[in-house]
Amino acid sequence: MSFTICTCCGGDYFWIWEDAFNKFGFDDGEAIVMTPAVAAALTRAGFIVERHVWGLHNEVIVSIRKDGVELIPHQRIQHGYDDPRDYLPGDIVALLDAAFPHGARIEA
């Protein structure tokens, strides 16, 4: 779990990158939504990322492309509900694990 300092209370807010793919991630959008940070890590690595606001408050990653190839297998998953570790390519999982390691402080 990475953490971010809450701008309201100054406390540590712990989160996992998988929440950026989960409809109910980041406490269903009621907490600090770190989807932009996850998308930025992928973009820095050369991927094209699309995000979508789902409902009134949460934001999820809906597309990851590289060289014109979609890397989220939309036909095989229930987007927003399935675990991204089960469907994302291993290199993307490894990249996100490295970008958001356990105990790392990530700026919001």
C-alpha atoms as a PDB file:
ATOM      1  CA  MET A   1       0.000   0.000   0.000  1.00  0.00           C
ATOM      2  CA  SER A   2       1.210   3.447  -0.887  1.00  0.00           C
ATOM      3  CA  PHE A   3       0.026   6.479   1.011  1.00  0.00           C
ATOM      4  CA  THR A   4      -0.821  10.098   0.406  1.00  0.00           C
ATOM      5  CA  ILE A   5      -1.104  12.893   2.940  1.00  0.00           C
ATOM      6  CA  CYS A   6      -4.719  14.015   3.293  1.00  0.00           C
ATOM      7  CA  THR A   7      -5.068  17.715   2.519  1.00  0.00           C
ATOM      8  CA  CYS A   8      -8.025  17.999   4.924  1.00  0.00           C
ATOM      9  CA  CYS A   9      -6.736  16.323   8.078  1.00  0.00           C
ATOM     10  CA  GLY A  10      -3.006  15.914   7.428  1.00  0.00           C
ATOM     11  CA  GLY A  11      -3.218  12.185   8.155  1.00  0.00           C
ATOM     12  CA  ASP A  12      -1.920   9.321   6.076  1.00  0.00           C
ATOM     13  CA  TYR A  13      -4.373   7.942   3.500  1.00  0.00           C
ATOM     14  CA  PHE A  14      -3.371   4.427   2.426  1.00  0.00           C
ATOM     15  CA  TRP A  15      -4.366   3.135  -1.007  1.00  0.00           C
ATOM     16  CA  ILE A  16      -3.490   0.626  -3.730  1.00  0.00           C
ATOM     17  CA  TRP A  17      -3.055   1.287  -7.449  1.00  0.00           C
ATOM     18  CA  GLU A  18      -5.698  -1.330  -8.245  1.00  0.00           C
ATOM     19  CA  ASP A  19      -8.313   1.146  -6.969  1.00  0.00           C
ATOM     20  CA  ALA A  20      -7.772   3.193 -10.154  1.00  0.00           C
ATOM     21  CA  PHE A  21      -9.509   0.367 -12.065  1.00  0.00           C
ATOM     22  CA  ASN A  22     -12.234  -0.353  -9.520  1.00  0.00           C
ATOM     23  CA  LYS A  23     -15.682   1.250  -9.634  1.00  0.00           C
ATOM     24  CA  PHE A  24     -15.674   1.253  -5.827  1.00  0.00           C
ATOM     25  CA  GLY A  25     -11.979   2.145  -5.462  1.00  0.00           C
ATOM     26  CA  PHE A  26     -10.701   4.904  -3.218  1.00  0.00           C
ATOM     27  CA  ASP A  27     -13.615   4.301  -0.839  1.00  0.00           C
ATOM     28  CA  ASP A  28     -16.038   4.580  -3.765  1.00  0.00           C
ATOM     29  CA  GLY A  29     -14.554   7.956  -4.621  1.00  0.00           C
ATOM     30  CA  GLU A  30     -15.214   9.365  -1.159  1.00  0.00           C
ATOM     31  CA  ALA A  31     -11.506   9.421  -0.298  1.00  0.00           C
ATOM     32  CA  ILE A  32      -8.574  10.957  -2.160  1.00  0.00           C
ATOM     33  CA  VAL A  33      -8.917   9.629  -5.710  1.00  0.00           C
ATOM     34  CA  MET A  34      -5.422   8.806  -6.968  1.00  0.00           C
ATOM     35  CA  THR A  35      -6.448   7.635 -10.444  1.00  0.00           C
ATOM     36  CA  PRO A  36      -4.639  10.623 -12.044  1.00  0.00           C
ATOM     37  CA  ALA A  37      -1.359   9.551 -10.383  1.00  0.00           C
ATOM     38  CA  VAL A  38      -1.750   5.980 -11.668  1.00  0.00           C
ATOM     39  CA  ALA A  39      -2.584   7.258 -15.164  1.00  0.00           C
ATOM     40  CA  ALA A  40       0.442   9.578 -15.054  1.00  0.00           C
ATOM     41  CA  ALA A  41       2.776   6.676 -14.203  1.00  0.00           C
ATOM     42  CA  LEU A  42       1.470   4.759 -17.205  1.00  0.00           C
ATOM     43  CA  THR A  43       1.742   7.817 -19.460  1.00  0.00           C
ATOM     44  CA  ARG A  44       5.364   8.384 -18.395  1.00  0.00           C
ATOM     45  CA  ALA A  45       6.055   4.792 -19.437  1.00  0.00           C
ATOM     46  CA  GLY A  46       4.742   5.497 -22.944  1.00  0.00           C
ATOM     47  CA  PHE A  47       1.155   4.258 -22.683  1.00  0.00           C
ATOM     48  CA  ILE A  48      -1.917   6.186 -23.808  1.00  0.00           C
ATOM     49  CA  VAL A  49      -4.406   6.186 -20.953  1.00  0.00           C
ATOM     50  CA  GLU A  50      -8.074   7.119 -20.872  1.00  0.00           C
ATOM     51  CA  ARG A  51      -9.963   7.807 -17.646  1.00  0.00           C
ATOM     52  CA  HIS A  52     -13.687   8.034 -17.080  1.00  0.00           C
ATOM     53  CA  VAL A  53     -15.663   9.622 -14.257  1.00  0.00           C
ATOM     54  CA  TRP A  54     -18.018   6.914 -13.047  1.00  0.00           C
ATOM     55  CA  GLY A  55     -20.990   8.146 -11.100  1.00  0.00           C
ATOM     56  CA  LEU A  56     -20.736  11.430  -9.283  1.00  0.00           C
ATOM     57  CA  HIS A  57     -17.342  11.086  -7.674  1.00  0.00           C
ATOM     58  CA  ASN A  58     -15.133   8.216  -8.759  1.00  0.00           C
ATOM     59  CA  GLU A  59     -12.742   8.031 -11.677  1.00  0.00           C
ATOM     60  CA  VAL A  60     -11.423   4.828 -13.268  1.00  0.00           C
ATOM     61  CA  ILE A  61      -8.943   3.939 -15.990  1.00  0.00           C
ATOM     62  CA  VAL A  62     -10.905   2.534 -18.939  1.00  0.00           C
ATOM     63  CA  SER A  63      -8.210   2.187 -21.595  1.00  0.00           C
ATOM     64  CA  ILE A  64      -4.475   1.576 -21.819  1.00  0.00           C
ATOM     65  CA  ARG A  65      -2.988   1.518 -25.309  1.00  0.00           C
ATOM     66  CA  LYS A  66       0.471   1.183 -26.732  1.00  0.00           C
ATOM     67  CA  ASP A  67       1.347   1.166 -30.420  1.00  0.00           C
ATOM     68  CA  GLY A  68      -2.366   1.245 -31.237  1.00  0.00           C
ATOM     69  CA  VAL A  69      -3.118  -1.935 -29.265  1.00  0.00           C
ATOM     70  CA  GLU A  70      -5.682  -1.899 -26.451  1.00  0.00           C
ATOM     71  CA  LEU A  71      -4.238  -3.670 -23.407  1.00  0.00           C
ATOM     72  CA  ILE A  72      -7.404  -3.960 -21.312  1.00  0.00           C
ATOM     73  CA  PRO A  73      -9.287  -7.017 -22.630  1.00  0.00           C
ATOM     74  CA  HIS A  74     -12.770  -5.492 -22.499  1.00  0.00           C
ATOM     75  CA  GLN A  75     -14.488  -8.563 -23.950  1.00  0.00           C
ATOM     76  CA  ARG A  76     -13.167 -10.846 -21.181  1.00  0.00           C
ATOM     77  CA  ILE A  77     -13.692  -8.715 -18.079  1.00  0.00           C
ATOM     78  CA  GLN A  78     -16.366  -6.904 -16.168  1.00  0.00           C
ATOM     79  CA  HIS A  79     -14.746  -3.493 -16.183  1.00  0.00           C
ATOM     80  CA  GLY A  80     -14.694  -1.750 -12.834  1.00  0.00           C
ATOM     81  CA  TYR A  81     -15.286  -4.964 -10.918  1.00  0.00           C
ATOM     82  CA  ASP A  82     -12.594  -7.491 -11.902  1.00  0.00           C
ATOM     83  CA  ASP A  83      -9.118  -7.372 -10.342  1.00  0.00           C
ATOM     84  CA  PRO A  84      -6.715  -5.629 -12.756  1.00  0.00           C
ATOM     85  CA  ARG A  85      -3.930  -7.977 -11.623  1.00  0.00           C
ATOM     86  CA  ASP A  86      -5.897 -10.768 -13.299  1.00  0.00           C
ATOM     87  CA  TYR A  87      -6.232  -9.115 -16.726  1.00  0.00           C
ATOM     88  CA  LEU A  88      -3.492  -6.528 -17.226  1.00  0.00           C
ATOM     89  CA  PRO A  89      -0.278  -7.662 -18.916  1.00  0.00           C
ATOM     90  CA  GLY A  90       2.448  -8.622 -16.466  1.00  0.00           C
ATOM     91  CA  ASP A  91       4.724  -5.770 -17.528  1.00  0.00           C
ATOM     92  CA  ILE A  92       2.040  -3.219 -16.628  1.00  0.00           C
ATOM     93  CA  VAL A  93       1.412  -4.860 -13.250  1.00  0.00           C
ATOM     94  CA  ALA A  94       5.171  -4.826 -12.564  1.00  0.00           C
ATOM     95  CA  LEU A  95       5.440  -1.187 -13.649  1.00  0.00           C
ATOM     96  CA  LEU A  96       2.601  -0.149 -11.319  1.00  0.00           C
ATOM     97  CA  ASP A  97       3.963  -2.230  -8.434  1.00  0.00           C
ATOM     98  CA  ALA A  98       7.303  -0.443  -8.867  1.00  0.00           C
ATOM     99  CA  ALA A  99       5.711   3.009  -9.200  1.00  0.00           C
ATOM    100  CA  PHE A 100       3.545   2.551  -6.097  1.00  0.00           C
ATOM    101  CA  PRO A 101       5.473   0.317  -3.700  1.00  0.00           C
ATOM    102  CA  HIS A 102       4.319  -0.629  -0.234  1.00  0.00           C
ATOM    103  CA  GLY A 103       4.970   2.209   2.192  1.00  0.00           C
ATOM    104  CA  ALA A 104       5.822   4.823  -0.450  1.00  0.00           C
ATOM    105  CA  ARG A 105       4.499   8.335  -0.034  1.00  0.00           C
ATOM    106  CA  ILE A 106       2.871   9.526  -3.259  1.00  0.00           C
ATOM    107  CA  GLU A 107       1.935  13.149  -3.807  1.00  0.00           C
ATOM    108  CA  ALA A 108      -1.700  13.798  -4.663  1.00  0.00           C
END
